Amino acid sequence: MTTAPQERGLKPALEVIPGADRRPRTKISHWVMFALAVVVAFFGLIYSRISLDQSAFEIQALEQEIAVQEDMYWQLRYELAQIQNPALLEEQIASLGLVYPDERLALSVPVVSVDELDPDYRWAQLKAILSAQP
């Protein structure tokens, strides 16, 4: 049997075979996955170390600021103790001419009842005092 010349140039149609894969699966080796996990862990450790170092720098700066503030606090306490020195105060009081009185004087102020004062006058005085202040 011979075929016609037209049919010789044609290729046979593609045939699909059930159950056969078109191309083979690419398999990732277990060693490649292990190496990838090691690289990710390595960069994770580097990142954690950097964040810990940044926290340490912040803590160090805060400790330095605390030391400065504490030094200022103790300096002010020392100055306050010097200002409150009784010997120094005695000299300053004597230079102003202040002395303890020899005798006590009793002052008596006559009692003014609330009914004797006019409430409107008292409110006017209070308003004058309050408006005079800045």
N, C-alpha and C. Protein backbone atom coordinates (compact mmCIF):
# COMPACT_ATOMS: atom_id res chain seq x y z
N MET A 1 0.80 -1.17 0.00
CA MET A 1 0.00 0.00 0.00
C MET A 1 0.85 1.24 0.00
N THR A 2 0.52 1.99 -0.85
CA THR A 2 1.22 3.25 -0.96
C THR A 2 0.26 4.37 -0.61
N THR A 3 0.85 5.40 -0.08
CA THR A 3 0.02 6.53 0.30
C THR A 3 0.15 7.60 -0.73
N ALA A 4 -0.78 8.42 -0.72
CA ALA A 4 -0.77 9.52 -1.67
C ALA A 4 0.34 10.49 -1.27
N PRO A 5 0.90 11.24 -2.20
CA PRO A 5 1.98 12.16 -1.89
C PRO A 5 1.57 13.25 -0.92
N GLN A 6 0.33 13.57 -0.86
CA GLN A 6 -0.11 14.59 0.08
C GLN A 6 0.02 14.10 1.50
N GLU A 7 -0.25 12.88 1.71
CA GLU A 7 -0.28 12.35 3.07
C GLU A 7 1.11 12.07 3.60
N ARG A 8 2.09 11.94 2.74
CA ARG A 8 3.45 11.66 3.21
C ARG A 8 4.05 12.84 3.94
N GLY A 9 3.79 14.07 3.58
CA GLY A 9 4.35 15.26 4.20
C GLY A 9 3.72 15.59 5.56
N LEU A 10 2.60 15.06 5.86
CA LEU A 10 1.93 15.34 7.12
C LEU A 10 2.49 14.48 8.22
N LYS A 11 2.63 15.10 9.36
CA LYS A 11 3.12 14.37 10.52
C LYS A 11 1.92 13.77 11.24
N PRO A 12 2.11 12.71 11.96
CA PRO A 12 0.97 12.13 12.67
C PRO A 12 0.55 13.06 13.83
N ALA A 13 -0.68 13.04 14.19
CA ALA A 13 -1.20 13.88 15.27
C ALA A 13 -0.60 13.46 16.60
N LEU A 14 -0.52 14.41 17.51
CA LEU A 14 0.03 14.11 18.83
C LEU A 14 -0.94 13.22 19.58
N GLU A 15 -0.37 12.34 20.31
CA GLU A 15 -1.19 11.39 21.06
C GLU A 15 -0.94 11.60 22.54
N VAL A 16 -1.98 11.73 23.34
CA VAL A 16 -1.88 11.93 24.78
C VAL A 16 -1.95 10.58 25.44
N ILE A 17 -0.93 10.31 26.22
CA ILE A 17 -0.90 9.05 26.95
C ILE A 17 -1.32 9.33 28.38
N PRO A 18 -2.40 8.79 28.86
CA PRO A 18 -2.86 9.06 30.22
C PRO A 18 -1.87 8.53 31.25
N GLY A 19 -1.69 9.32 32.35
CA GLY A 19 -0.82 8.91 33.45
C GLY A 19 0.61 9.32 33.27
N ALA A 20 0.98 9.90 32.16
CA ALA A 20 2.37 10.30 31.94
C ALA A 20 2.48 11.81 32.17
N ASP A 21 3.53 12.24 32.92
CA ASP A 21 3.78 13.67 33.14
C ASP A 21 4.38 14.28 31.89
N ARG A 22 4.08 15.56 31.73
CA ARG A 22 4.63 16.25 30.57
C ARG A 22 6.13 16.45 30.72
N ARG A 23 6.54 16.90 31.93
CA ARG A 23 7.97 17.07 32.16
C ARG A 23 8.26 16.56 33.57
N PRO A 24 9.43 16.15 33.82
CA PRO A 24 9.73 15.59 35.14
C PRO A 24 9.79 16.70 36.19
N ARG A 25 9.39 16.39 37.43
CA ARG A 25 9.42 17.35 38.54
C ARG A 25 10.85 17.70 38.90
N THR A 26 11.04 18.97 39.24
CA THR A 26 12.36 19.35 39.72
C THR A 26 12.40 19.07 41.22
N LYS A 27 13.35 18.36 41.65
CA LYS A 27 13.47 18.00 43.06
C LYS A 27 14.50 18.92 43.71
N ILE A 28 14.09 19.50 44.85
CA ILE A 28 15.02 20.31 45.63
C ILE A 28 15.69 19.37 46.62
N SER A 29 16.95 19.39 46.57
CA SER A 29 17.70 18.49 47.43
C SER A 29 17.55 18.90 48.89
N HIS A 30 17.60 17.95 49.77
CA HIS A 30 17.51 18.24 51.20
C HIS A 30 18.68 19.10 51.66
N TRP A 31 19.82 18.97 51.01
CA TRP A 31 20.98 19.78 51.38
C TRP A 31 20.78 21.23 51.01
N VAL A 32 20.10 21.48 49.91
CA VAL A 32 19.82 22.87 49.51
C VAL A 32 18.86 23.50 50.50
N MET A 33 17.84 22.77 50.92
CA MET A 33 16.90 23.29 51.91
C MET A 33 17.60 23.53 53.25
N PHE A 34 18.50 22.64 53.64
CA PHE A 34 19.24 22.82 54.89
C PHE A 34 20.14 24.05 54.80
N ALA A 35 20.82 24.23 53.66
CA ALA A 35 21.69 25.39 53.49
C ALA A 35 20.88 26.68 53.52
N LEU A 36 19.70 26.68 52.92
CA LEU A 36 18.83 27.85 52.94
C LEU A 36 18.38 28.16 54.37
N ALA A 37 18.05 27.14 55.14
CA ALA A 37 17.65 27.34 56.53
C ALA A 37 18.82 27.89 57.34
N VAL A 38 20.01 27.43 57.11
CA VAL A 38 21.19 27.92 57.82
C VAL A 38 21.44 29.39 57.49
N VAL A 39 21.31 29.76 56.23
CA VAL A 39 21.52 31.16 55.81
C VAL A 39 20.48 32.07 56.47
N VAL A 40 19.21 31.63 56.48
CA VAL A 40 18.15 32.43 57.11
C VAL A 40 18.42 32.57 58.61
N ALA A 41 18.83 31.48 59.26
CA ALA A 41 19.13 31.54 60.69
C ALA A 41 20.32 32.47 60.95
N PHE A 42 21.31 32.43 60.07
CA PHE A 42 22.49 33.29 60.22
C PHE A 42 22.09 34.77 60.17
N PHE A 43 21.27 35.14 59.17
CA PHE A 43 20.84 36.54 59.07
C PHE A 43 19.90 36.90 60.22
N GLY A 44 19.12 35.97 60.71
CA GLY A 44 18.27 36.22 61.88
C GLY A 44 19.11 36.51 63.11
N LEU A 45 20.19 35.77 63.30
CA LEU A 45 21.08 36.03 64.44
C LEU A 45 21.77 37.39 64.30
N ILE A 46 22.15 37.73 63.09
CA ILE A 46 22.78 39.04 62.88
C ILE A 46 21.78 40.15 63.23
N TYR A 47 20.54 40.02 62.78
CA TYR A 47 19.52 41.03 63.07
C TYR A 47 19.26 41.14 64.57
N SER A 48 19.17 40.00 65.25
CA SER A 48 18.92 40.05 66.70
C SER A 48 20.10 40.68 67.42
N ARG A 49 21.30 40.42 66.97
CA ARG A 49 22.49 41.02 67.59
C ARG A 49 22.49 42.53 67.40
N ILE A 50 22.11 42.99 66.21
CA ILE A 50 22.06 44.43 65.94
C ILE A 50 21.02 45.09 66.83
N SER A 51 19.85 44.47 66.96
CA SER A 51 18.81 45.09 67.79
C SER A 51 19.23 45.10 69.25
N LEU A 52 19.91 44.06 69.71
CA LEU A 52 20.41 44.05 71.09
C LEU A 52 21.47 45.13 71.30
N ASP A 53 22.33 45.33 70.30
CA ASP A 53 23.35 46.37 70.42
C ASP A 53 22.72 47.76 70.47
N GLN A 54 21.68 47.97 69.66
CA GLN A 54 21.00 49.27 69.70
C GLN A 54 20.37 49.50 71.06
N SER A 55 19.77 48.47 71.63
CA SER A 55 19.19 48.62 72.96
C SER A 55 20.28 48.91 73.99
N ALA A 56 21.42 48.25 73.84
CA ALA A 56 22.53 48.49 74.78
C ALA A 56 23.04 49.93 74.68
N PHE A 57 23.10 50.46 73.46
CA PHE A 57 23.53 51.85 73.29
C PHE A 57 22.54 52.82 73.94
N GLU A 58 21.25 52.54 73.79
CA GLU A 58 20.24 53.39 74.43
C GLU A 58 20.35 53.32 75.95
N ILE A 59 20.55 52.13 76.48
CA ILE A 59 20.70 51.97 77.94
C ILE A 59 21.93 52.71 78.42
N GLN A 60 23.02 52.63 77.67
CA GLN A 60 24.24 53.32 78.07
C GLN A 60 24.04 54.84 78.08
N ALA A 61 23.35 55.36 77.07
CA ALA A 61 23.08 56.80 77.03
C ALA A 61 22.21 57.22 78.20
N LEU A 62 21.20 56.40 78.53
CA LEU A 62 20.33 56.71 79.67
C LEU A 62 21.11 56.66 80.99
N GLU A 63 22.01 55.69 81.12
CA GLU A 63 22.81 55.61 82.35
C GLU A 63 23.71 56.83 82.49
N GLN A 64 24.27 57.30 81.38
CA GLN A 64 25.10 58.51 81.44
C GLN A 64 24.26 59.72 81.85
N GLU A 65 23.06 59.83 81.30
CA GLU A 65 22.18 60.95 81.66
C GLU A 65 21.77 60.86 83.13
N ILE A 66 21.51 59.65 83.61
CA ILE A 66 21.17 59.47 85.02
C ILE A 66 22.33 59.89 85.90
N ALA A 67 23.55 59.53 85.50
CA ALA A 67 24.74 59.91 86.29
C ALA A 67 24.89 61.43 86.34
N VAL A 68 24.64 62.10 85.22
CA VAL A 68 24.75 63.55 85.19
C VAL A 68 23.70 64.18 86.10
N GLN A 69 22.46 63.70 86.00
CA GLN A 69 21.38 64.23 86.83
C GLN A 69 21.63 63.96 88.31
N GLU A 70 22.15 62.78 88.62
CA GLU A 70 22.44 62.45 90.01
C GLU A 70 23.55 63.34 90.56
N ASP A 71 24.56 63.61 89.75
CA ASP A 71 25.64 64.50 90.17
C ASP A 71 25.09 65.91 90.43
N MET A 72 24.20 66.37 89.54
CA MET A 72 23.60 67.69 89.72
C MET A 72 22.75 67.72 91.00
N TYR A 73 22.03 66.63 91.27
CA TYR A 73 21.20 66.55 92.47
C TYR A 73 22.05 66.68 93.72
N TRP A 74 23.17 65.93 93.79
CA TRP A 74 24.02 65.99 94.97
C TRP A 74 24.74 67.33 95.09
N GLN A 75 25.06 67.96 93.96
CA GLN A 75 25.67 69.30 93.99
C GLN A 75 24.68 70.30 94.58
N LEU A 76 23.42 70.22 94.15
CA LEU A 76 22.41 71.13 94.70
C LEU A 76 22.16 70.87 96.18
N ARG A 77 22.17 69.62 96.58
CA ARG A 77 22.01 69.31 98.00
C ARG A 77 23.16 69.90 98.82
N TYR A 78 24.37 69.84 98.27
CA TYR A 78 25.54 70.41 98.96
C TYR A 78 25.40 71.92 99.08
N GLU A 79 24.97 72.57 98.00
CA GLU A 79 24.79 74.02 98.04
C GLU A 79 23.69 74.41 99.03
N LEU A 80 22.62 73.63 99.08
CA LEU A 80 21.54 73.89 100.03
C LEU A 80 22.04 73.74 101.46
N ALA A 81 22.86 72.73 101.71
CA ALA A 81 23.41 72.55 103.05
C ALA A 81 24.32 73.72 103.43
N GLN A 82 25.07 74.24 102.47
CA GLN A 82 25.92 75.39 102.75
C GLN A 82 25.08 76.63 103.05
N ILE A 83 24.00 76.82 102.30
CA ILE A 83 23.15 77.99 102.51
C ILE A 83 22.46 77.91 103.88
N GLN A 84 22.10 76.71 104.29
CA GLN A 84 21.39 76.54 105.56
C GLN A 84 22.34 76.38 106.75
N ASN A 85 23.60 76.62 106.57
CA ASN A 85 24.58 76.51 107.65
C ASN A 85 24.24 77.55 108.73
N PRO A 86 24.02 77.13 109.99
CA PRO A 86 23.65 78.08 111.04
C PRO A 86 24.69 79.18 111.27
N ALA A 87 25.97 78.85 111.18
CA ALA A 87 27.00 79.86 111.39
C ALA A 87 26.93 80.94 110.31
N LEU A 88 26.73 80.54 109.09
CA LEU A 88 26.62 81.50 107.99
C LEU A 88 25.36 82.34 108.14
N LEU A 89 24.25 81.71 108.52
CA LEU A 89 23.00 82.44 108.72
C LEU A 89 23.13 83.46 109.86
N GLU A 90 23.83 83.07 110.91
CA GLU A 90 24.01 83.98 112.05
C GLU A 90 24.76 85.23 111.62
N GLU A 91 25.79 85.07 110.80
CA GLU A 91 26.55 86.23 110.31
C GLU A 91 25.67 87.14 109.44
N GLN A 92 24.86 86.52 108.58
CA GLN A 92 24.00 87.31 107.71
C GLN A 92 22.91 88.04 108.50
N ILE A 93 22.37 87.39 109.52
CA ILE A 93 21.35 88.02 110.36
C ILE A 93 21.94 89.19 111.14
N ALA A 94 23.15 88.99 111.65
CA ALA A 94 23.81 90.06 112.41
C ALA A 94 24.13 91.25 111.51
N SER A 95 24.51 90.97 110.26
CA SER A 95 24.83 92.08 109.35
C SER A 95 23.58 92.89 109.00
N LEU A 96 22.40 92.28 109.05
CA LEU A 96 21.16 93.00 108.78
C LEU A 96 20.65 93.75 110.01
N GLY A 97 21.21 93.44 111.16
CA GLY A 97 20.81 94.12 112.38
C GLY A 97 19.57 93.51 113.03
N LEU A 98 19.25 92.31 112.71
CA LEU A 98 18.10 91.65 113.31
C LEU A 98 18.51 91.03 114.65
N VAL A 99 17.73 91.25 115.67
CA VAL A 99 18.02 90.69 117.00
C VAL A 99 16.73 90.14 117.59
N TYR A 100 16.87 89.29 118.57
CA TYR A 100 15.69 88.79 119.28
C TYR A 100 15.16 89.90 120.19
N PRO A 101 13.85 90.02 120.35
CA PRO A 101 13.31 91.09 121.21
C PRO A 101 13.59 90.77 122.69
N ASP A 102 13.74 91.84 123.47
CA ASP A 102 13.97 91.67 124.90
C ASP A 102 12.69 91.28 125.62
N GLU A 103 11.59 91.83 125.19
CA GLU A 103 10.32 91.51 125.83
C GLU A 103 9.26 91.34 124.77
N ARG A 104 8.19 90.66 125.13
CA ARG A 104 7.09 90.41 124.21
C ARG A 104 6.00 91.44 124.41
N LEU A 105 5.41 91.84 123.33
CA LEU A 105 4.29 92.78 123.39
C LEU A 105 3.03 92.05 122.95
N ALA A 106 1.98 92.21 123.71
CA ALA A 106 0.70 91.60 123.37
C ALA A 106 -0.11 92.60 122.58
N LEU A 107 -0.57 92.21 121.45
CA LEU A 107 -1.40 93.06 120.61
C LEU A 107 -2.85 92.61 120.75
N SER A 108 -3.73 93.57 120.87
CA SER A 108 -5.14 93.22 120.90
C SER A 108 -5.85 94.01 119.82
N VAL A 109 -6.66 93.32 119.08
CA VAL A 109 -7.40 93.93 117.98
C VAL A 109 -8.87 93.83 118.34
N PRO A 110 -9.59 94.94 118.27
CA PRO A 110 -11.01 94.86 118.61
C PRO A 110 -11.77 94.00 117.59
N VAL A 111 -12.68 93.22 118.07
CA VAL A 111 -13.45 92.32 117.22
C VAL A 111 -14.52 93.11 116.50
N VAL A 112 -14.61 92.92 115.22
CA VAL A 112 -15.61 93.58 114.40
C VAL A 112 -16.59 92.50 113.96
N SER A 113 -17.84 92.70 114.25
CA SER A 113 -18.82 91.69 113.86
C SER A 113 -19.11 91.81 112.37
N VAL A 114 -19.56 90.75 111.81
CA VAL A 114 -19.84 90.70 110.38
C VAL A 114 -21.04 91.59 110.06
N ASP A 115 -21.93 91.76 110.99
CA ASP A 115 -23.13 92.56 110.73
C ASP A 115 -22.82 94.05 110.58
N GLU A 116 -21.73 94.50 111.17
CA GLU A 116 -21.41 95.92 111.12
C GLU A 116 -20.88 96.36 109.76
N LEU A 117 -20.29 95.42 109.00
CA LEU A 117 -19.73 95.77 107.69
C LEU A 117 -20.80 95.59 106.61
N ASP A 118 -20.79 96.50 105.67
CA ASP A 118 -21.71 96.43 104.55
C ASP A 118 -21.20 95.38 103.55
N PRO A 119 -21.99 94.38 103.17
CA PRO A 119 -21.51 93.34 102.24
C PRO A 119 -21.12 93.92 100.88
N ASP A 120 -21.84 94.93 100.40
CA ASP A 120 -21.48 95.51 99.11
C ASP A 120 -20.12 96.20 99.18
N TYR A 121 -19.84 96.85 100.29
CA TYR A 121 -18.55 97.50 100.46
C TYR A 121 -17.43 96.47 100.50
N ARG A 122 -17.68 95.33 101.17
CA ARG A 122 -16.66 94.27 101.24
C ARG A 122 -16.40 93.69 99.86
N TRP A 123 -17.45 93.47 99.06
CA TRP A 123 -17.28 92.95 97.71
C TRP A 123 -16.55 93.96 96.84
N ALA A 124 -16.80 95.21 97.00
CA ALA A 124 -16.09 96.24 96.22
C ALA A 124 -14.61 96.23 96.56
N GLN A 125 -14.31 96.08 97.85
CA GLN A 125 -12.90 96.01 98.25
C GLN A 125 -12.23 94.77 97.65
N LEU A 126 -12.92 93.63 97.71
CA LEU A 126 -12.38 92.39 97.16
C LEU A 126 -12.15 92.50 95.65
N LYS A 127 -13.09 93.09 94.93
CA LYS A 127 -12.93 93.26 93.49
C LYS A 127 -11.78 94.20 93.18
N ALA A 128 -11.59 95.23 93.98
CA ALA A 128 -10.47 96.16 93.77
C ALA A 128 -9.14 95.46 93.96
N ILE A 129 -9.08 94.61 94.97
CA ILE A 129 -7.82 93.88 95.23
C ILE A 129 -7.54 92.90 94.13
N LEU A 130 -8.55 92.15 93.69
CA LEU A 130 -8.35 91.15 92.66
C LEU A 130 -8.06 91.75 91.31
N SER A 131 -8.66 92.89 91.00
CA SER A 131 -8.41 93.50 89.70
C SER A 131 -7.05 94.20 89.67
N ALA A 132 -6.49 94.55 90.81
CA ALA A 132 -5.18 95.22 90.85
C ALA A 132 -4.06 94.23 90.59
N GLN A 133 -4.29 92.94 90.82
CA GLN A 133 -3.24 91.95 90.62
C GLN A 133 -3.18 91.56 89.14
N PRO A 134 -1.99 91.27 88.64
CA PRO A 134 -1.86 90.91 87.22
C PRO A 134 -2.42 89.53 86.94
